Amino acid sequence: MSLISALNTGTSGLESSSLELSVVGDNIANANTIGFKSGRAAFEDQLSQTVVGSAGQIGMGSRLQAVQQIVTQGALSSTGVATDLALQGPGYFIVNGVHDGQTGSFYTRAGQFTVDTDGYLVNLDGLNVQGYTADATGVVGGPLGDLLVEPATSAPLATANVNIRGNLQSDATLVGPFDPLAPSTTSNLASTVSVYDSLGAEHSVQVFFTRTGAGTWDWNAMADGGGLTGGTAGTLTSVGSGTLTYDSQGQLTTMTQASTFNPLGAVNPQPLTFDFGDPTGGTPAGTGLAGITQFAGSSATAFTGQDGYASGSLGSIQVDTAGRITGVFSNGQTRVLAQVAVAGFTADDQLLRVGGNLFQATPASGQPAIGVAGTGGRGSLVSGALEQSNVDLAGQFIRMIAAQRAFEANSKTISTADQLLQELIALKR
């Protein structure tokens, strides 16, 4: 009977409106969920029936066809936390571990990551973020796996070159020859520079310059013997010496040197080159003005530098747009530690929600294409930011009102059909 069909049709409309309201409610509930992608209920008409003796058809109501994920980009919000990551564009972070009794890989847009007690980058549920590790030189490679970022150290680098720039007074008093037991009174200028041995130990080296004649100087590099093989603590020991000569224009013409740096317990001897400029008599010939000059001005050091450093511990990390995690160490050095992986899908709106801001791949979504951010159509990565939910509250309220009105309208279909049935029954009386 058509009245019974009308009741069933109205009931299907009530159910559809209820499901629409459930989807809208879920969206609103997750309006502040990081990385959340809103859903959209899609409905279809049910199998229709053909009216006997007529070419017309009457529908059987509606039913839920699918709940489609709306994967549009959410707004990015700055947090200032280096391990907070957001994707600007397509792609998903990959996490691995156990979630709700399931073990495997999951995908997420929620980049609220932190470093656990074992030094691994994880999400707030403890699942390991996946990516590619780097070797001791910072070269990224190897298979996809958990990202270990701590503890990391920076190995020391032994000093090989010492650079000193400045001026030696051309008419300085002759105080030589240099006496290591009285260096301050037998030199015209002293400069101090720190150098490092192969173990990262620091040695304070004093370089003394002594005028020996017109345009000629001796230089002597001295260090405390307590840090040198065969040396005596508190006694200056030579680690290098040589001569400097200048022409009448104050330009460095020749330079000689000999290094005898033997740090205690480290590589012996440690080659140490002192650079005082580019002598005009060198090979190739220099200007004689790029290092220590000899002009009438006072003797003074303008710059000292060297290329070694001590060992360092990890102080902080930085993440660039390609997902490279760079460690900043206490010795001032930086090194790439790992690189975050990003997965792309051909139909990411077909991913399966499994809770916890996580998705799983399905046959409809396709298999993940895993690589790094900024390649293969994957979005770029933003550090110190999080992607907000893409829920539009104004739009959701409109859908809520529409679902409410549809529910009320379908209830009228049921109540009207009920009244007609009562009239039909009343005919019997």
Protein backbone atom coordinates (compact mmCIF):
# COMPACT_ATOMS: atom_id res chain seq x y z
CA MET A 1 0.00 0.00 0.00
CA SER A 2 1.26 3.49 -0.92
CA LEU A 3 0.58 4.86 2.60
CA ILE A 4 2.89 2.26 4.11
CA SER A 5 5.48 3.19 1.49
CA ALA A 6 5.06 6.83 2.47
CA LEU A 7 5.78 5.90 6.10
CA ASN A 8 8.92 4.05 5.04
CA THR A 9 10.00 6.93 2.81
CA GLY A 10 9.54 9.40 5.66
CA THR A 11 11.49 7.11 7.97
CA SER A 12 14.40 6.97 5.51
CA GLY A 13 14.33 10.78 5.38
CA LEU A 14 14.49 10.96 9.17
CA GLU A 15 17.45 8.60 9.20
CA SER A 16 19.25 10.58 6.48
CA SER A 17 18.71 13.84 8.34
CA SER A 18 19.97 12.24 11.56
CA LEU A 19 23.10 11.00 9.80
CA GLU A 20 23.66 14.45 8.29
CA LEU A 21 23.39 15.96 11.76
CA SER A 22 25.87 13.38 13.09
CA VAL A 23 28.42 14.33 10.44
CA VAL A 24 27.91 18.03 11.13
CA GLY A 25 28.22 17.42 14.87
CA ASP A 26 31.47 15.53 14.36
CA ASN A 27 32.85 18.40 12.32
CA ILE A 28 31.90 20.99 14.92
CA ALA A 29 33.32 18.84 17.72
CA ASN A 30 36.66 18.78 15.89
CA ALA A 31 36.75 22.46 14.97
CA ASN A 32 39.89 22.83 17.12
CA THR A 33 41.47 19.46 16.38
CA ILE A 34 44.91 19.89 14.80
CA GLY A 35 45.06 18.58 11.24
CA PHE A 36 41.39 17.50 11.21
CA LYS A 37 39.70 17.16 7.83
CA SER A 38 35.96 17.76 7.84
CA GLY A 39 33.46 15.25 6.45
CA ARG A 40 30.56 15.69 4.10
CA ALA A 41 27.56 13.37 4.05
CA ALA A 42 26.54 12.38 0.52
CA PHE A 43 23.05 10.88 0.02
CA GLU A 44 21.36 8.99 -2.80
CA ASP A 45 17.84 7.97 -3.61
CA GLN A 46 16.78 4.43 -2.88
CA LEU A 47 15.48 1.92 -5.43
CA SER A 48 12.26 3.23 -6.91
CA GLN A 49 9.12 1.25 -7.70
CA THR A 50 7.18 1.30 -10.94
CA VAL A 51 3.50 2.09 -10.63
CA VAL A 52 1.35 -0.64 -12.21
CA GLY A 53 -0.26 0.49 -15.45
CA SER A 54 1.86 3.61 -15.63
CA ALA A 55 5.28 4.55 -16.96
CA GLY A 56 5.97 6.55 -13.81
CA GLN A 57 8.14 5.57 -10.87
CA ILE A 58 7.90 6.40 -7.18
CA GLY A 59 11.04 6.64 -5.09
CA MET A 60 11.60 4.67 -1.89
CA GLY A 61 13.31 7.47 0.01
CA SER A 62 16.98 8.30 0.60
CA ARG A 63 20.01 6.66 2.13
CA LEU A 64 23.59 7.57 2.98
CA GLN A 65 25.89 7.04 0.01
CA ALA A 66 29.20 7.98 1.64
CA VAL A 67 30.87 10.32 4.08
CA GLN A 68 33.49 12.08 2.02
CA GLN A 69 36.61 13.61 3.56
CA ILE A 70 37.17 17.24 2.57
CA VAL A 71 40.96 17.42 2.31
CA THR A 72 41.36 21.14 1.68
CA GLN A 73 44.25 22.96 3.35
CA GLY A 74 43.74 24.17 6.90
CA ALA A 75 45.14 27.46 8.16
CA LEU A 76 48.63 27.36 9.67
CA SER A 77 49.14 28.65 13.20
CA SER A 78 52.59 29.58 14.47
CA THR A 79 53.67 27.94 17.73
CA GLY A 80 57.40 28.62 17.92
CA VAL A 81 58.08 24.99 18.88
CA ALA A 82 60.70 23.58 16.49
CA THR A 83 59.24 20.05 16.58
CA ASP A 84 55.76 21.28 15.62
CA LEU A 85 55.48 20.61 11.88
CA ALA A 86 52.83 21.51 9.33
CA LEU A 87 52.42 20.63 5.68
CA GLN A 88 51.60 23.42 3.24
CA GLY A 89 50.07 21.49 0.37
CA PRO A 90 49.38 17.79 -0.31
CA GLY A 91 50.84 14.96 1.72
CA TYR A 92 50.78 13.24 5.10
CA PHE A 93 53.31 12.57 7.82
CA ILE A 94 54.02 8.89 8.42
CA VAL A 95 54.02 7.43 11.94
CA ASN A 96 54.64 3.86 12.95
CA GLY A 97 53.68 1.92 16.05
CA VAL A 98 50.69 0.46 17.87
CA HIS A 99 47.32 2.24 17.77
CA ASP A 100 44.17 0.69 19.20
CA GLY A 101 45.73 -2.76 19.00
CA GLN A 102 46.84 -2.34 15.39
CA THR A 103 50.54 -2.33 14.54
CA GLY A 104 51.78 -0.67 11.40
CA SER A 105 52.10 2.61 9.57
CA PHE A 106 49.56 5.38 9.85
CA TYR A 107 49.23 8.76 8.17
CA THR A 108 48.41 12.11 9.70
CA ARG A 109 48.28 15.84 9.09
CA ALA A 110 48.69 16.54 12.82
CA GLY A 111 52.32 17.54 13.30
CA GLN A 112 52.38 17.88 17.08
CA PHE A 113 55.67 16.03 17.50
CA THR A 114 58.14 15.82 20.34
CA VAL A 115 61.33 13.96 21.26
CA ASP A 116 60.86 11.00 23.62
CA THR A 117 63.21 9.80 26.36
CA ASP A 118 65.11 7.62 23.89
CA GLY A 119 65.75 10.55 21.54
CA TYR A 120 63.23 9.57 18.84
CA LEU A 121 60.84 11.99 17.17
CA VAL A 122 57.31 10.85 18.04
CA ASN A 123 53.73 12.12 18.03
CA LEU A 124 51.86 12.77 21.26
CA ASP A 125 50.68 9.14 21.39
CA GLY A 126 54.26 7.86 21.18
CA LEU A 127 54.15 6.64 17.56
CA ASN A 128 57.49 7.07 15.79
CA VAL A 129 57.69 9.64 13.02
CA GLN A 130 59.18 8.07 9.89
CA GLY A 131 61.95 9.45 7.71
CA TYR A 132 65.54 9.03 6.62
CA THR A 133 68.56 9.23 8.94
CA ALA A 134 71.85 10.98 8.16
CA ASP A 135 75.39 9.74 8.69
CA ALA A 136 78.06 11.42 10.81
CA THR A 137 78.83 13.86 8.00
CA GLY A 138 75.20 14.95 7.59
CA VAL A 139 74.48 13.02 4.37
CA VAL A 140 70.87 11.73 4.35
CA GLY A 141 70.29 8.19 3.10
CA GLY A 142 69.26 4.71 4.04
CA PRO A 143 65.84 3.07 4.30
CA LEU A 144 62.70 4.58 5.77
CA GLY A 145 62.67 4.25 9.55
CA ASP A 146 62.34 5.87 12.96
CA LEU A 147 64.04 9.25 13.34
CA LEU A 148 66.68 9.34 16.08
CA VAL A 149 67.65 12.95 16.78
CA GLU A 150 69.07 12.73 20.31
CA PRO A 151 71.52 12.22 21.83
CA ALA A 152 73.75 13.62 19.09
CA THR A 153 77.24 15.02 19.41
CA SER A 154 79.56 17.00 17.20
CA ALA A 155 83.06 15.51 16.98
CA PRO A 156 85.99 17.89 17.52
CA LEU A 157 88.13 19.19 14.68
CA ALA A 158 91.84 19.69 15.21
CA THR A 159 93.14 23.14 14.28
CA ALA A 160 95.20 23.12 11.10
CA ASN A 161 95.43 26.84 10.29
CA VAL A 162 95.88 29.95 12.42
CA ASN A 163 95.28 33.38 10.87
CA ILE A 164 96.50 36.66 12.35
CA ARG A 165 95.96 40.09 10.82
CA GLY A 166 97.29 43.42 12.07
CA ASN A 167 100.27 45.80 11.90
CA LEU A 168 103.83 45.86 13.21
CA GLN A 169 105.25 49.31 13.93
CA SER A 170 108.02 49.96 11.43
CA ASP A 171 110.22 51.89 13.88
CA ALA A 172 109.52 49.79 16.96
CA THR A 173 112.28 49.55 19.59
CA LEU A 174 114.72 46.70 19.14
CA VAL A 175 114.19 44.51 22.20
CA GLY A 176 115.43 41.14 20.93
CA PRO A 177 116.47 38.49 20.84
CA PHE A 178 113.30 36.80 22.06
CA ASP A 179 113.58 35.10 25.45
CA PRO A 180 110.82 32.53 26.28
CA LEU A 181 111.51 33.11 29.97
CA ALA A 182 110.82 36.84 29.59
CA PRO A 183 108.50 37.05 26.59
CA SER A 184 106.81 40.33 27.48
CA THR A 185 110.08 42.30 27.64
CA THR A 186 111.68 40.70 24.58
CA SER A 187 108.80 41.19 22.16
CA ASN A 188 107.01 44.17 20.63
CA LEU A 189 103.55 42.62 20.19
CA ALA A 190 101.73 39.60 21.58
CA SER A 191 98.51 38.03 20.31
CA THR A 192 96.58 35.12 21.82
CA VAL A 193 94.55 32.52 19.92
CA SER A 194 92.91 29.27 21.05
CA VAL A 195 93.71 26.12 19.08
CA TYR A 196 92.27 22.61 19.46
CA ASP A 197 93.93 19.21 19.32
CA SER A 198 92.47 16.01 17.86
CA LEU A 199 90.63 15.29 21.14
CA GLY A 200 89.01 18.72 21.18
CA ALA A 201 91.15 19.99 24.07
CA GLU A 202 91.73 23.73 23.93
CA HIS A 203 95.25 25.19 24.03
CA SER A 204 95.90 28.89 24.47
CA VAL A 205 98.71 29.87 22.10
CA GLN A 206 100.47 33.23 22.43
CA VAL A 207 102.25 34.55 19.37
CA PHE A 208 105.05 37.03 20.13
CA PHE A 209 106.53 39.35 17.47
CA THR A 210 110.05 40.71 18.00
CA ARG A 211 111.68 43.32 15.75
CA THR A 212 115.24 42.24 14.90
CA GLY A 213 116.21 44.93 12.40
CA ALA A 214 115.05 47.16 9.57
CA GLY A 215 112.08 45.32 8.02
CA THR A 216 112.84 42.02 9.80
CA TRP A 217 110.88 40.33 12.57
CA ASP A 218 110.91 37.05 14.45
CA TRP A 219 107.71 35.42 15.62
CA ASN A 220 107.36 32.74 18.29
CA ALA A 221 104.21 30.79 19.15
CA MET A 222 104.20 29.57 22.75
CA ALA A 223 101.80 27.43 24.81
CA ASP A 224 101.70 26.18 28.39
CA GLY A 225 103.85 23.06 28.62
CA GLY A 226 101.27 21.35 30.85
CA GLY A 227 99.21 20.49 27.77
CA LEU A 228 102.15 19.40 25.62
CA THR A 229 104.09 16.15 25.37
CA GLY A 230 107.26 16.51 27.45
CA GLY A 231 106.27 19.99 28.64
CA THR A 232 106.10 21.43 32.15
CA ALA A 233 102.96 23.04 33.54
CA GLY A 234 103.38 26.78 33.99
CA THR A 235 106.29 26.99 31.57
CA LEU A 236 105.85 28.35 28.04
CA THR A 237 106.91 25.89 25.35
CA SER A 238 107.41 26.68 21.68
CA VAL A 239 104.85 25.29 19.23
CA GLY A 240 105.97 27.32 16.22
CA SER A 241 108.46 29.95 15.10
CA GLY A 242 109.71 31.80 12.05
CA THR A 243 110.56 35.14 10.46
CA LEU A 244 108.81 37.95 8.60
CA THR A 245 110.45 40.46 6.25
CA TYR A 246 109.05 43.69 4.79
CA ASP A 247 109.96 46.10 2.02
CA SER A 248 110.14 49.88 2.24
CA GLN A 249 106.40 50.14 1.56
CA GLY A 250 105.46 48.01 4.55
CA GLN A 251 104.48 45.03 2.42
CA LEU A 252 105.21 41.49 3.59
CA THR A 253 107.82 40.03 1.23
CA THR A 254 108.79 36.68 2.76
CA MET A 255 107.61 34.48 5.59
CA THR A 256 109.15 31.36 7.15
CA GLN A 257 107.79 29.02 9.79
CA ALA A 258 108.35 25.75 11.63
CA SER A 259 105.68 23.98 13.66
CA THR A 260 106.37 21.81 16.72
CA PHE A 261 102.89 21.35 18.21
CA ASN A 262 102.69 18.08 20.20
CA PRO A 263 99.51 18.14 22.32
CA LEU A 264 99.44 15.75 25.27
CA GLY A 265 97.54 12.49 24.61
CA ALA A 266 96.44 13.57 21.13
CA VAL A 267 97.81 13.20 17.60
CA ASN A 268 101.56 13.96 17.65
CA PRO A 269 102.83 16.00 15.97
CA GLN A 270 99.79 18.04 14.95
CA PRO A 271 100.46 20.05 11.79
CA LEU A 272 99.84 23.73 12.50
CA THR A 273 100.18 26.39 9.82
CA PHE A 274 100.40 30.06 10.79
CA ASP A 275 99.12 32.46 8.16
CA PHE A 276 100.36 36.05 8.43
CA GLY A 277 99.40 37.20 4.95
CA ASP A 278 100.25 36.94 1.25
CA PRO A 279 103.96 37.76 0.79
CA THR A 280 105.00 39.38 -2.47
CA GLY A 281 107.75 36.79 -2.77
CA GLY A 282 105.37 33.87 -2.39
CA THR A 283 104.11 31.42 -5.00
CA PRO A 284 101.93 32.78 -6.38
CA ALA A 285 103.02 36.32 -5.58
CA GLY A 286 100.69 38.20 -3.26
CA THR A 287 100.07 41.83 -2.45
CA GLY A 288 101.87 41.73 0.88
CA LEU A 289 98.98 43.68 2.39
CA ALA A 290 96.39 40.99 3.17
CA GLY A 291 97.80 40.00 6.55
CA ILE A 292 100.26 41.64 8.93
CA THR A 293 101.73 44.83 7.50
CA GLN A 294 104.61 47.00 8.67
CA PHE A 295 103.56 50.63 8.70
CA ALA A 296 104.42 53.53 10.99
CA GLY A 297 101.29 53.04 13.06
CA SER A 298 101.33 51.32 16.41
CA SER A 299 101.70 47.55 16.61
CA ALA A 300 98.28 46.00 17.02
CA THR A 301 96.33 42.86 16.17
CA ALA A 302 93.16 43.39 14.10
CA PHE A 303 92.01 39.79 13.73
CA THR A 304 92.83 36.30 14.98
CA GLY A 305 91.19 33.12 13.80
CA GLN A 306 91.61 29.37 13.46
CA ASP A 307 89.67 26.50 11.87
CA GLY A 308 89.33 24.00 14.74
CA TYR A 309 86.70 23.46 17.41
CA ALA A 310 85.96 21.36 20.49
CA SER A 311 83.37 18.61 20.71
CA GLY A 312 79.80 19.76 21.18
CA SER A 313 76.49 18.52 22.51
CA LEU A 314 73.14 19.07 20.83
CA GLY A 315 71.59 22.35 21.92
CA SER A 316 68.58 22.65 19.61
CA ILE A 317 67.18 21.48 16.30
CA GLN A 318 65.86 23.27 13.24
CA VAL A 319 63.69 21.90 10.42
CA ASP A 320 63.67 23.39 6.92
CA THR A 321 60.97 23.32 4.23
CA ALA A 322 62.30 20.03 2.84
CA GLY A 323 62.00 18.36 6.27
CA ARG A 324 65.73 18.23 6.98
CA ILE A 325 66.32 18.20 10.75
CA THR A 326 69.49 20.12 11.53
CA GLY A 327 71.19 19.94 14.91
CA VAL A 328 72.74 23.08 16.40
CA PHE A 329 75.58 22.11 18.74
CA SER A 330 77.18 23.85 21.69
CA ASN A 331 80.45 24.28 19.78
CA GLY A 332 78.72 26.42 17.16
CA GLN A 333 78.57 23.70 14.52
CA THR A 334 75.49 22.49 12.68
CA ARG A 335 74.79 19.12 11.05
CA VAL A 336 71.84 17.46 9.33
CA LEU A 337 70.58 14.65 11.57
CA ALA A 338 67.62 13.27 9.58
CA GLN A 339 64.88 14.14 7.11
CA VAL A 340 61.15 13.73 7.65
CA ALA A 341 59.31 11.59 5.07
CA VAL A 342 56.01 12.61 3.48
CA ALA A 343 53.45 10.29 1.86
CA GLY A 344 51.25 11.28 -1.04
CA PHE A 345 48.04 9.57 -2.21
CA THR A 346 46.18 9.72 -5.51
CA ALA A 347 42.81 9.73 -3.69
CA ASP A 348 43.49 10.88 -0.15
CA ASP A 349 39.80 11.61 0.46
CA GLN A 350 39.37 7.82 0.49
CA LEU A 351 41.72 7.25 3.42
CA LEU A 352 40.22 5.44 6.40
CA ARG A 353 39.89 7.36 9.67
CA VAL A 354 41.09 5.26 12.59
CA GLY A 355 40.99 7.87 15.37
CA GLY A 356 43.81 9.73 17.06
CA ASN A 357 44.14 12.06 14.05
CA LEU A 358 45.35 9.05 12.06
CA PHE A 359 44.44 7.53 8.71
CA GLN A 360 45.11 4.19 7.06
CA ALA A 361 45.52 3.48 3.38
CA THR A 362 42.66 1.67 1.59
CA PRO A 363 42.36 0.11 -1.88
CA ALA A 364 40.33 3.18 -2.89
CA SER A 365 42.99 5.65 -1.69
CA GLY A 366 45.82 3.85 -3.43
CA GLN A 367 49.24 3.03 -2.04
CA PRO A 368 51.35 5.85 -0.57
CA ALA A 369 54.05 7.46 -2.69
CA ILE A 370 56.72 8.13 -0.07
CA GLY A 371 59.41 10.76 -0.47
CA VAL A 372 60.41 14.11 0.96
CA ALA A 373 58.57 17.41 1.16
CA GLY A 374 58.63 19.64 -1.91
CA THR A 375 59.10 16.78 -4.40
CA GLY A 376 56.74 14.63 -6.43
CA GLY A 377 53.76 16.89 -5.85
CA ARG A 378 54.16 16.82 -2.08
CA GLY A 379 53.72 20.03 -0.13
CA SER A 380 56.44 21.96 1.66
CA LEU A 381 57.05 21.65 5.37
CA VAL A 382 56.74 24.50 7.87
CA SER A 383 58.52 24.22 11.21
CA GLY A 384 57.20 25.86 14.35
CA ALA A 385 53.62 25.78 13.08
CA LEU A 386 50.57 23.51 13.12
CA GLU A 387 47.78 23.03 10.61
CA GLN A 388 44.41 23.90 12.08
CA SER A 389 41.15 22.06 11.38
CA ASN A 390 39.61 22.95 8.01
CA VAL A 391 36.10 23.04 9.53
CA ASP A 392 34.13 26.14 8.52
CA LEU A 393 31.83 26.73 11.48
CA ALA A 394 29.52 29.09 9.59
CA GLY A 395 29.02 26.51 6.86
CA GLN A 396 28.44 23.76 9.42
CA PHE A 397 25.74 25.78 11.19
CA ILE A 398 23.95 26.27 7.87
CA ARG A 399 24.10 22.52 7.24
CA MET A 400 22.82 21.93 10.77
CA ILE A 401 19.80 24.15 10.13
CA ALA A 402 19.13 22.43 6.82
CA ALA A 403 19.32 19.00 8.48
CA GLN A 404 16.96 20.13 11.23
CA ARG A 405 14.41 21.44 8.73
CA ALA A 406 14.69 18.27 6.66
CA PHE A 407 14.07 16.18 9.78
CA GLU A 408 10.98 18.23 10.61
CA ALA A 409 9.68 17.96 7.04
CA ASN A 410 10.12 14.18 6.98
CA SER A 411 8.36 13.89 10.32
CA LYS A 412 5.42 15.69 8.70
CA THR A 413 5.37 13.03 5.97
CA ILE A 414 5.09 10.33 8.63
CA SER A 415 2.43 12.15 10.68
CA THR A 416 0.38 12.89 7.55
CA ALA A 417 0.53 9.27 6.39
CA ASP A 418 -0.50 8.23 9.89
CA GLN A 419 -3.55 10.51 9.78
CA LEU A 420 -4.58 9.08 6.42
CA LEU A 421 -4.27 5.56 7.78
CA GLN A 422 -6.51 6.52 10.67
CA GLU A 423 -9.09 7.85 8.21
CA LEU A 424 -8.86 4.60 6.29
CA ILE A 425 -9.46 2.57 9.43
CA ALA A 426 -12.36 4.80 10.36
CA LEU A 427 -14.16 3.72 7.15
CA LYS A 428 -14.64 0.30 8.75
CA ARG A 429 -16.64 1.85 11.55
